[in-house]
C-alpha cells in the first residue's frame, strides 16, 4: 500500500536533496524503483518503461504534491538504502546517471516484454549516451545486492 509523501521522505533521507527539479525527480524515480527492486521494500509504486527507464506516474504525482515527507522506513531500511547510494556514488559514475543505469538495467533484465537476450546490450542501444564502462562500474556495485 502506498503511503502518500513517503517517497519525499525517502528521497530527502537517502539522497539528501529535494526532488523539486527534473534532475531531482529523475533521481527520485530511480531511487524508489531500486529500493523496491533491490532492497525488497514495497513502497506501493508500480513502474513502466519510459525513455529514461523506470517511471511511476503515481510517484511523480506524490513527489509534486508533498512538501512534508512522512516517515515510512525503519532505521535498518534507511541504512540499507544509504549503503546502496553510497556505493553508487563511489562507482565513478555521476549519481543521477548511475541510478538511471541501475534501474534501467534491472527493468530490462526482469520486467520488459519481450525480455531482451542481453539486457546490457539492450540498455546501451536504448541509451546511446551511456558508455559500456559506466554500465560495468554500476553493475559491479549492484552485484552484491542481487
Protein backbone atom coordinates (compact mmCIF):
# COMPACT_ATOMS: atom_id res chain seq x y z
CA UNK A 1 0.00 0.00 0.00
CA UNK A 2 1.31 3.41 -1.00
CA UNK A 3 1.83 5.94 1.79
CA UNK A 4 1.41 9.44 0.40
CA UNK A 5 4.51 11.58 0.95
CA UNK A 6 6.66 8.58 1.90
CA UNK A 7 8.75 8.99 -1.25
CA UNK A 8 9.55 12.62 -0.42
CA UNK A 9 10.83 11.49 2.99
CA UNK A 10 12.91 8.69 1.46
CA UNK A 11 14.49 10.95 -1.16
CA UNK A 12 15.43 13.55 1.46
CA UNK A 13 16.80 10.98 3.88
CA UNK A 14 18.69 8.83 1.37
CA UNK A 15 19.79 11.26 -1.33
CA UNK A 16 19.94 14.33 0.90
CA UNK A 17 18.21 16.51 -1.67
CA UNK A 18 14.82 17.81 -2.69
CA UNK A 19 13.02 16.25 -5.67
CA UNK A 20 11.92 19.65 -6.97
CA UNK A 21 13.54 19.88 -10.41
CA UNK A 22 13.75 17.46 -13.34
CA UNK A 23 17.10 16.00 -12.27
CA UNK A 24 15.90 15.55 -8.69
CA UNK A 25 12.65 13.90 -9.76
CA UNK A 26 14.53 11.63 -12.19
CA UNK A 27 16.87 10.53 -9.40
CA UNK A 28 13.89 10.05 -7.08
CA UNK A 29 12.11 7.80 -9.59
CA UNK A 30 15.17 5.59 -9.94
CA UNK A 31 15.88 5.56 -6.19
CA UNK A 32 12.36 4.42 -5.30
CA UNK A 33 12.45 1.76 -8.03
CA UNK A 34 15.79 0.44 -6.70
CA UNK A 35 14.59 0.44 -3.10
CA UNK A 36 11.63 -1.69 -4.12
CA UNK A 37 13.50 -3.93 -6.57
CA UNK A 38 16.92 -4.37 -4.95
CA UNK A 39 16.14 -3.99 -1.27
CA UNK A 40 12.68 -5.60 -1.45
CA UNK A 41 10.97 -2.74 0.39
CA UNK A 42 7.50 -2.31 -1.06
CA UNK A 43 6.58 1.38 -1.12
CA UNK A 44 3.49 0.69 -3.21
CA UNK A 45 4.56 2.07 -6.58
CA UNK A 46 4.27 0.31 -9.92
CA UNK A 47 6.63 1.27 -12.72
CA UNK A 48 6.61 1.15 -16.50
CA UNK A 49 9.38 1.63 -19.04
CA UNK A 50 9.81 5.23 -20.14
CA UNK A 51 12.54 6.89 -22.19
CA UNK A 52 14.73 7.40 -19.10
CA UNK A 53 13.98 4.00 -17.59
CA UNK A 54 11.52 3.01 -14.86
CA UNK A 55 8.79 5.59 -14.33
CA UNK A 56 5.79 5.71 -11.99
CA UNK A 57 3.01 8.19 -12.68
CA UNK A 58 1.75 7.84 -9.09
CA UNK A 59 5.23 8.57 -7.76
CA UNK A 60 5.56 11.64 -9.99
CA UNK A 61 2.25 12.92 -8.58
CA UNK A 62 3.32 12.24 -4.99
CA UNK A 63 6.69 13.98 -5.45
CA UNK A 64 4.99 17.11 -6.78
CA UNK A 65 2.27 17.13 -4.12
CA UNK A 66 4.23 16.61 -0.92
CA UNK A 67 6.07 19.43 0.79
CA UNK A 68 6.46 17.45 4.00
CA UNK A 69 7.63 13.87 3.98
CA UNK A 70 6.12 11.08 6.05
CA UNK A 71 8.49 8.74 7.87
CA UNK A 72 7.85 5.32 6.41
CA UNK A 73 11.12 3.38 6.66
CA UNK A 74 12.78 1.94 9.70
CA UNK A 75 16.38 2.65 10.64
CA UNK A 76 17.64 -0.63 9.16
CA UNK A 77 15.85 0.01 5.85
CA UNK A 78 17.27 3.53 5.69
CA UNK A 79 20.75 2.19 6.41
CA UNK A 80 20.49 -0.31 3.54
CA UNK A 81 19.22 2.34 1.13
CA UNK A 82 22.01 4.75 2.14
CA UNK A 83 24.59 1.98 1.71
CA UNK A 84 23.38 1.30 -1.83
CA UNK A 85 23.53 5.00 -2.70
CA UNK A 86 26.94 5.39 -1.09
CA UNK A 87 28.28 2.54 -3.22
CA UNK A 88 26.73 4.01 -6.37
CA UNK A 89 28.34 7.37 -5.53
CA UNK A 90 31.67 5.56 -5.26
CA UNK A 91 31.29 3.90 -8.69
CA UNK A 92 32.92 6.79 -10.54
CA UNK A 93 29.69 7.43 -12.44
CA UNK A 94 27.70 10.59 -11.55
CA UNK A 95 24.93 9.54 -9.16
CA UNK A 96 21.95 10.52 -11.32
CA UNK A 97 23.42 8.57 -14.23
CA UNK A 98 24.33 5.61 -12.01
CA UNK A 99 20.75 5.48 -10.71
CA UNK A 100 19.40 5.54 -14.25
CA UNK A 101 21.77 2.78 -15.36
CA UNK A 102 21.00 0.56 -12.37
CA UNK A 103 17.23 0.95 -12.52
CA UNK A 104 17.06 0.68 -16.32
CA UNK A 105 19.24 -2.43 -16.39
CA UNK A 106 17.10 -4.18 -13.77
CA UNK A 107 13.86 -3.28 -15.50
CA UNK A 108 15.19 -4.50 -18.86
CA UNK A 109 16.50 -7.67 -17.23
CA UNK A 110 13.34 -8.55 -15.33
CA UNK A 111 10.27 -6.61 -16.33
CA UNK A 112 10.01 -5.67 -20.01
CA UNK A 113 8.37 -7.89 -22.58
CA UNK A 114 9.70 -9.36 -24.69
CA UNK A 115 12.68 -9.94 -22.43
CA UNK A 116 15.93 -9.00 -24.17
CA UNK A 117 18.53 -11.76 -24.52
CA UNK A 118 21.26 -9.37 -23.39
CA UNK A 119 19.96 -6.58 -21.10
CA UNK A 120 23.31 -4.74 -21.16
CA UNK A 121 23.35 -4.63 -24.94
CA UNK A 122 19.71 -3.51 -24.95
CA UNK A 123 20.48 -0.80 -22.40
CA UNK A 124 23.36 0.54 -24.48
CA UNK A 125 21.19 0.54 -27.62
CA UNK A 126 18.33 2.37 -25.93
CA UNK A 127 20.61 4.87 -24.21
CA UNK A 128 23.47 5.81 -26.53
CA UNK A 129 24.72 8.45 -24.07
CA UNK A 130 25.75 5.68 -21.66
CA UNK A 131 29.18 4.13 -22.01
CA UNK A 132 29.96 0.44 -21.63
CA UNK A 133 32.45 1.11 -18.81
CA UNK A 134 29.79 3.08 -16.88
CA UNK A 135 27.40 0.12 -17.08
CA UNK A 136 30.15 -2.24 -15.88
CA UNK A 137 31.00 0.05 -12.94
CA UNK A 138 27.36 0.25 -11.86
CA UNK A 139 26.77 -3.49 -12.25
CA UNK A 140 29.84 -4.17 -10.10
CA UNK A 141 28.20 -2.09 -7.36
CA UNK A 142 24.81 -3.79 -7.78
CA UNK A 143 26.03 -7.39 -7.86
CA UNK A 144 26.33 -7.86 -4.04
CA UNK A 145 22.73 -6.66 -3.66
CA UNK A 146 21.27 -9.02 -6.26
